């Protein structure tokens, strides 16, 4: 029974990290396209900054998901750190009056942190 619970949490954290990684990549692409279409005068260093952060964050979470799927624990720290940052960001979203966006982000990040931390590394 403990193996099932561990496997379920592992597959849950893999799915959550994949969704989060793809979402960050899509959000970065959206921000770049929106900046190019709306203003037309977006600076190259702004685009490069958005691209660098979206690529590093999105690809980092996808690599963390791959590590969890392979039962390696090198993905635990990036997964926990990224979701702790997401909880901090949701605080500012809540203070801006967008509680309907902050609440799901907080719950999503908390679930991912719980699943990532609760997995115990297997001994070889």
N, C-alpha and C. Protein backbone atom coordinates (compact mmCIF):
# COMPACT_ATOMS: atom_id res chain seq x y z
N UNK A 1 0.82 -1.19 0.00
CA UNK A 1 0.00 0.00 0.00
C UNK A 1 0.87 1.25 0.00
N UNK A 2 1.98 1.21 0.72
CA UNK A 2 2.86 2.38 0.77
C UNK A 2 3.49 2.63 -0.60
N UNK A 3 3.75 1.57 -1.36
CA UNK A 3 4.33 1.73 -2.69
C UNK A 3 3.33 2.40 -3.62
N UNK A 4 2.07 2.00 -3.53
CA UNK A 4 1.03 2.63 -4.35
C UNK A 4 0.93 4.11 -4.04
N UNK A 5 0.90 4.46 -2.76
CA UNK A 5 0.79 5.84 -2.36
C UNK A 5 2.00 6.64 -2.86
N UNK A 6 3.18 6.07 -2.75
CA UNK A 6 4.39 6.73 -3.23
C UNK A 6 4.37 6.88 -4.75
N UNK A 7 3.95 5.84 -5.45
CA UNK A 7 3.87 5.91 -6.91
C UNK A 7 2.83 6.93 -7.36
N UNK A 8 1.72 6.99 -6.64
CA UNK A 8 0.68 7.96 -6.98
C UNK A 8 1.18 9.39 -6.78
N UNK A 9 1.87 9.64 -5.65
CA UNK A 9 2.42 10.97 -5.42
C UNK A 9 3.48 11.32 -6.44
N UNK A 10 4.29 10.32 -6.83
CA UNK A 10 5.33 10.55 -7.83
C UNK A 10 4.71 10.92 -9.17
N UNK A 11 3.70 10.17 -9.59
CA UNK A 11 3.07 10.49 -10.87
C UNK A 11 2.33 11.83 -10.79
N UNK A 12 1.79 12.16 -9.62
CA UNK A 12 1.12 13.44 -9.44
C UNK A 12 2.11 14.59 -9.56
N UNK A 13 3.25 14.49 -8.90
CA UNK A 13 4.23 15.58 -8.96
C UNK A 13 4.82 15.70 -10.37
N UNK A 14 4.98 14.59 -11.07
CA UNK A 14 5.46 14.65 -12.45
C UNK A 14 4.47 15.40 -13.32
N UNK A 15 3.19 15.08 -13.18
CA UNK A 15 2.16 15.77 -13.97
C UNK A 15 2.08 17.25 -13.61
N UNK A 16 2.12 17.56 -12.32
CA UNK A 16 2.05 18.96 -11.88
C UNK A 16 3.23 19.76 -12.40
N UNK A 17 4.43 19.19 -12.35
CA UNK A 17 5.62 19.90 -12.82
C UNK A 17 5.60 20.08 -14.33
N UNK A 18 5.10 19.08 -15.05
CA UNK A 18 5.00 19.22 -16.51
C UNK A 18 4.01 20.33 -16.89
N UNK A 19 2.87 20.34 -16.23
CA UNK A 19 1.88 21.39 -16.50
C UNK A 19 2.46 22.76 -16.19
N UNK A 20 3.15 22.85 -15.07
CA UNK A 20 3.74 24.13 -14.65
C UNK A 20 4.83 24.57 -15.62
N UNK A 21 5.68 23.66 -16.05
CA UNK A 21 6.75 23.99 -16.98
C UNK A 21 6.22 24.45 -18.33
N UNK A 22 5.24 23.73 -18.85
CA UNK A 22 4.64 24.11 -20.14
C UNK A 22 3.91 25.45 -20.01
N UNK A 23 3.26 25.67 -18.88
CA UNK A 23 2.57 26.94 -18.66
C UNK A 23 3.53 28.12 -18.63
N UNK A 24 4.68 27.95 -18.00
CA UNK A 24 5.67 29.02 -17.95
C UNK A 24 6.23 29.30 -19.34
N UNK A 25 6.50 28.26 -20.11
CA UNK A 25 6.98 28.47 -21.48
C UNK A 25 5.93 29.18 -22.33
N UNK A 26 4.67 28.79 -22.18
CA UNK A 26 3.59 29.43 -22.94
C UNK A 26 3.40 30.87 -22.51
N UNK A 27 3.49 31.14 -21.22
CA UNK A 27 3.35 32.51 -20.72
C UNK A 27 4.48 33.40 -21.24
N UNK A 28 5.69 32.88 -21.26
CA UNK A 28 6.81 33.65 -21.81
C UNK A 28 6.62 33.97 -23.28
N UNK A 29 6.18 32.98 -24.04
CA UNK A 29 5.91 33.21 -25.46
C UNK A 29 4.79 34.23 -25.65
N UNK A 30 3.74 34.13 -24.84
CA UNK A 30 2.64 35.08 -24.90
C UNK A 30 3.12 36.50 -24.61
N UNK A 31 3.95 36.67 -23.58
CA UNK A 31 4.43 38.00 -23.23
C UNK A 31 5.30 38.60 -24.32
N UNK A 32 6.11 37.77 -24.96
CA UNK A 32 6.95 38.26 -26.05
C UNK A 32 6.09 38.68 -27.24
N UNK A 33 5.15 37.84 -27.63
CA UNK A 33 4.28 38.15 -28.77
C UNK A 33 3.43 39.39 -28.46
N UNK A 34 2.88 39.45 -27.26
CA UNK A 34 2.06 40.60 -26.88
C UNK A 34 2.88 41.88 -26.89
N UNK A 35 4.09 41.82 -26.41
CA UNK A 35 4.95 43.00 -26.42
C UNK A 35 5.31 43.46 -27.82
N UNK A 36 5.52 42.52 -28.70
CA UNK A 36 5.85 42.87 -30.08
C UNK A 36 4.64 43.41 -30.84
N UNK A 37 3.46 42.86 -30.57
CA UNK A 37 2.26 43.28 -31.29
C UNK A 37 1.73 44.61 -30.75
N UNK A 38 1.62 44.74 -29.44
CA UNK A 38 1.01 45.93 -28.84
C UNK A 38 1.82 47.20 -29.06
N UNK A 39 3.03 47.19 -28.56
CA UNK A 39 3.82 48.41 -28.60
C UNK A 39 4.63 48.54 -29.87
N UNK A 40 5.21 47.48 -30.30
CA UNK A 40 6.08 47.53 -31.46
C UNK A 40 7.43 48.15 -31.15
N UNK A 41 7.56 48.75 -29.96
CA UNK A 41 8.82 49.40 -29.59
C UNK A 41 9.44 48.73 -28.37
N UNK A 42 9.21 47.46 -28.22
CA UNK A 42 9.78 46.74 -27.08
C UNK A 42 11.28 46.59 -27.29
N UNK A 43 12.01 46.81 -26.23
CA UNK A 43 13.47 46.75 -26.30
C UNK A 43 13.96 45.31 -26.40
N UNK A 44 15.08 45.12 -27.03
CA UNK A 44 15.62 43.76 -27.22
C UNK A 44 16.02 43.13 -25.90
N UNK A 45 16.50 43.93 -24.93
CA UNK A 45 16.91 43.35 -23.65
C UNK A 45 15.69 42.91 -22.83
N UNK A 46 14.53 43.52 -23.05
CA UNK A 46 13.31 43.07 -22.38
C UNK A 46 12.91 41.71 -22.94
N UNK A 47 12.93 41.59 -24.26
CA UNK A 47 12.59 40.32 -24.90
C UNK A 47 13.57 39.23 -24.48
N UNK A 48 14.85 39.57 -24.46
CA UNK A 48 15.85 38.56 -24.08
C UNK A 48 15.69 38.17 -22.61
N UNK A 49 15.32 39.11 -21.75
CA UNK A 49 15.09 38.78 -20.34
C UNK A 49 13.90 37.86 -20.16
N UNK A 50 12.80 38.18 -20.83
CA UNK A 50 11.61 37.32 -20.75
C UNK A 50 11.94 35.93 -21.28
N UNK A 51 12.63 35.90 -22.41
CA UNK A 51 12.98 34.62 -23.02
C UNK A 51 13.88 33.79 -22.10
N UNK A 52 14.89 34.43 -21.51
CA UNK A 52 15.82 33.71 -20.63
C UNK A 52 15.10 33.17 -19.40
N UNK A 53 14.27 33.99 -18.78
CA UNK A 53 13.56 33.53 -17.58
C UNK A 53 12.53 32.45 -17.89
N UNK A 54 11.81 32.62 -18.98
CA UNK A 54 10.81 31.61 -19.35
C UNK A 54 11.48 30.29 -19.73
N UNK A 55 12.55 30.37 -20.49
CA UNK A 55 13.25 29.14 -20.88
C UNK A 55 13.87 28.44 -19.67
N UNK A 56 14.56 29.19 -18.83
CA UNK A 56 15.21 28.56 -17.68
C UNK A 56 14.18 28.00 -16.71
N UNK A 57 13.11 28.74 -16.46
CA UNK A 57 12.08 28.26 -15.55
C UNK A 57 11.30 27.09 -16.10
N UNK A 58 10.83 27.22 -17.33
CA UNK A 58 10.03 26.15 -17.94
C UNK A 58 10.82 24.89 -18.17
N UNK A 59 11.99 25.03 -18.76
CA UNK A 59 12.83 23.85 -19.03
C UNK A 59 13.32 23.24 -17.72
N UNK A 60 13.63 24.09 -16.75
CA UNK A 60 14.06 23.58 -15.44
C UNK A 60 13.00 22.72 -14.78
N UNK A 61 11.75 23.15 -14.85
CA UNK A 61 10.67 22.36 -14.26
C UNK A 61 10.42 21.07 -15.05
N UNK A 62 10.58 21.13 -16.36
CA UNK A 62 10.43 19.91 -17.16
C UNK A 62 11.54 18.91 -16.86
N UNK A 63 12.75 19.40 -16.63
CA UNK A 63 13.86 18.52 -16.25
C UNK A 63 13.62 17.95 -14.85
N UNK A 64 13.08 18.77 -13.96
CA UNK A 64 12.75 18.28 -12.62
C UNK A 64 11.69 17.17 -12.70
N UNK A 65 10.71 17.34 -13.57
CA UNK A 65 9.69 16.30 -13.76
C UNK A 65 10.31 15.02 -14.29
N UNK A 66 11.27 15.17 -15.21
CA UNK A 66 11.95 13.99 -15.75
C UNK A 66 12.73 13.27 -14.65
N UNK A 67 13.35 14.04 -13.77
CA UNK A 67 14.07 13.43 -12.64
C UNK A 67 13.15 12.68 -11.70
N UNK A 68 12.01 13.26 -11.40
CA UNK A 68 11.05 12.57 -10.54
C UNK A 68 10.54 11.29 -11.20
N UNK A 69 10.30 11.35 -12.51
CA UNK A 69 9.80 10.17 -13.21
C UNK A 69 10.83 9.04 -13.19
N UNK A 70 12.11 9.41 -13.30
CA UNK A 70 13.19 8.41 -13.28
C UNK A 70 13.57 7.99 -11.87
N UNK A 71 12.81 8.47 -10.87
CA UNK A 71 13.05 8.18 -9.46
C UNK A 71 14.40 8.68 -8.97
N UNK A 72 14.84 9.78 -9.55
CA UNK A 72 16.03 10.48 -9.08
C UNK A 72 15.55 11.69 -8.28
N UNK A 73 16.33 12.13 -7.34
CA UNK A 73 15.87 13.23 -6.52
C UNK A 73 16.52 14.56 -6.86
N UNK A 74 17.16 14.67 -8.02
CA UNK A 74 17.76 15.95 -8.38
C UNK A 74 16.70 16.97 -8.78
N UNK A 75 15.47 16.57 -8.93
CA UNK A 75 14.41 17.49 -9.28
C UNK A 75 13.69 18.07 -8.09
N UNK A 76 13.98 17.56 -6.89
CA UNK A 76 13.23 17.99 -5.71
C UNK A 76 13.49 19.46 -5.38
N UNK A 77 14.72 19.89 -5.29
CA UNK A 77 15.03 21.27 -4.90
C UNK A 77 14.48 22.29 -5.88
N UNK A 78 14.67 22.12 -7.21
CA UNK A 78 14.07 23.12 -8.12
C UNK A 78 12.55 23.15 -8.05
N UNK A 79 11.93 22.00 -7.86
CA UNK A 79 10.47 21.95 -7.78
C UNK A 79 9.97 22.70 -6.55
N UNK A 80 10.60 22.45 -5.42
CA UNK A 80 10.19 23.11 -4.18
C UNK A 80 10.47 24.61 -4.26
N UNK A 81 11.66 24.99 -4.73
CA UNK A 81 12.02 26.40 -4.82
C UNK A 81 11.10 27.16 -5.75
N UNK A 82 10.82 26.62 -6.91
CA UNK A 82 9.94 27.30 -7.87
C UNK A 82 8.54 27.49 -7.30
N UNK A 83 8.06 26.52 -6.55
CA UNK A 83 6.72 26.64 -6.00
C UNK A 83 6.67 27.51 -4.76
N UNK A 84 7.76 27.60 -4.01
CA UNK A 84 7.81 28.58 -2.93
C UNK A 84 7.80 30.00 -3.50
N UNK A 85 8.48 30.19 -4.61
CA UNK A 85 8.44 31.49 -5.29
C UNK A 85 7.02 31.77 -5.77
N UNK A 86 6.33 30.75 -6.29
CA UNK A 86 4.95 30.93 -6.75
C UNK A 86 4.03 31.34 -5.61
N UNK A 87 4.26 30.80 -4.41
CA UNK A 87 3.45 31.20 -3.26
C UNK A 87 3.72 32.66 -2.91
N UNK A 88 4.98 33.08 -3.00
CA UNK A 88 5.31 34.49 -2.76
C UNK A 88 4.67 35.40 -3.79
N UNK A 89 4.67 34.98 -5.04
CA UNK A 89 4.04 35.76 -6.11
C UNK A 89 2.53 35.84 -5.87
N UNK A 90 1.94 34.75 -5.41
CA UNK A 90 0.49 34.76 -5.19
C UNK A 90 0.11 35.73 -4.07
N UNK A 91 1.02 35.98 -3.14
CA UNK A 91 0.75 36.99 -2.10
C UNK A 91 0.56 38.36 -2.72
N UNK A 92 1.42 38.71 -3.65
CA UNK A 92 1.30 40.00 -4.31
C UNK A 92 0.08 40.06 -5.24
N UNK A 93 -0.26 38.94 -5.84
CA UNK A 93 -1.47 38.89 -6.68
C UNK A 93 -2.70 39.11 -5.80
N UNK A 94 -2.71 38.49 -4.61
CA UNK A 94 -3.81 38.67 -3.69
C UNK A 94 -3.92 40.11 -3.22
N UNK A 95 -2.78 40.74 -2.90
CA UNK A 95 -2.79 42.13 -2.46
C UNK A 95 -3.25 43.08 -3.55
N UNK A 96 -3.10 42.68 -4.81
CA UNK A 96 -3.57 43.51 -5.92
C UNK A 96 -5.07 43.36 -6.14
N UNK A 97 -5.71 42.48 -5.39
CA UNK A 97 -7.15 42.32 -5.49
C UNK A 97 -7.60 41.18 -6.39
N UNK A 98 -6.67 40.41 -6.90
CA UNK A 98 -7.02 39.30 -7.77
C UNK A 98 -6.98 37.98 -6.99
N UNK A 99 -7.82 37.90 -5.95
CA UNK A 99 -7.82 36.71 -5.10
C UNK A 99 -8.22 35.47 -5.86
N UNK A 100 -9.04 35.64 -6.91
CA UNK A 100 -9.49 34.50 -7.70
C UNK A 100 -8.35 33.88 -8.51
N UNK A 101 -7.28 34.61 -8.73
CA UNK A 101 -6.09 34.05 -9.39
C UNK A 101 -5.07 33.59 -8.36
N UNK A 102 -5.01 34.28 -7.23
CA UNK A 102 -4.02 33.95 -6.20
C UNK A 102 -4.34 32.64 -5.49
N UNK A 103 -5.60 32.39 -5.24
CA UNK A 103 -5.98 31.19 -4.50
C UNK A 103 -5.63 29.90 -5.25
N UNK A 104 -5.99 29.76 -6.54
CA UNK A 104 -5.60 28.52 -7.24
C UNK A 104 -4.08 28.36 -7.36
N UNK A 105 -3.37 29.47 -7.56
CA UNK A 105 -1.91 29.39 -7.65
C UNK A 105 -1.32 28.91 -6.34
N UNK A 106 -1.82 29.41 -5.23
CA UNK A 106 -1.33 28.99 -3.92
C UNK A 106 -1.62 27.51 -3.67
N UNK A 107 -2.84 27.08 -3.98
CA UNK A 107 -3.20 25.68 -3.78
C UNK A 107 -2.38 24.75 -4.67
N UNK A 108 -2.19 25.16 -5.92
CA UNK A 108 -1.40 24.36 -6.86
C UNK A 108 0.04 24.21 -6.38
N UNK A 109 0.62 25.33 -5.96
CA UNK A 109 2.01 25.31 -5.48
C UNK A 109 2.13 24.49 -4.20
N UNK A 110 1.17 24.63 -3.29
CA UNK A 110 1.21 23.87 -2.04
C UNK A 110 1.10 22.37 -2.30
N UNK A 111 0.23 21.97 -3.21
CA UNK A 111 0.10 20.55 -3.56
C UNK A 111 1.39 20.01 -4.17
N UNK A 112 2.00 20.78 -5.05
CA UNK A 112 3.25 20.35 -5.67
C UNK A 112 4.35 20.22 -4.63
N UNK A 113 4.44 21.19 -3.72
CA UNK A 113 5.46 21.12 -2.66
C UNK A 113 5.24 19.90 -1.79
N UNK A 114 3.99 19.66 -1.39
CA UNK A 114 3.69 18.50 -0.55
C UNK A 114 4.10 17.20 -1.24
N UNK A 115 3.72 17.04 -2.49
CA UNK A 115 4.04 15.80 -3.20
C UNK A 115 5.55 15.65 -3.39
N UNK A 116 6.24 16.74 -3.65
CA UNK A 116 7.69 16.67 -3.88
C UNK A 116 8.45 16.36 -2.59
N UNK A 117 8.03 16.95 -1.49
CA UNK A 117 8.75 16.75 -0.22
C UNK A 117 8.42 15.40 0.39
N UNK A 118 7.20 14.93 0.21
CA UNK A 118 6.78 13.71 0.89
C UNK A 118 7.36 12.44 0.28
N UNK A 119 7.96 12.55 -0.89
CA UNK A 119 8.58 11.36 -1.50
C UNK A 119 9.93 11.09 -0.84
N UNK A 120 10.10 9.88 -0.39
CA UNK A 120 11.35 9.48 0.25
C UNK A 120 12.24 8.82 -0.78
N UNK A 121 13.50 9.23 -0.88
CA UNK A 121 14.40 8.61 -1.87
C UNK A 121 14.56 7.11 -1.60
N UNK A 122 14.60 6.36 -2.69
CA UNK A 122 14.78 4.90 -2.57
C UNK A 122 16.26 4.60 -2.53
N UNK A 123 16.63 3.61 -1.73
CA UNK A 123 18.03 3.21 -1.63
C UNK A 123 18.35 2.24 -2.75
N UNK A 124 19.52 2.38 -3.35
CA UNK A 124 19.94 1.49 -4.44
C UNK A 124 20.62 0.26 -3.90
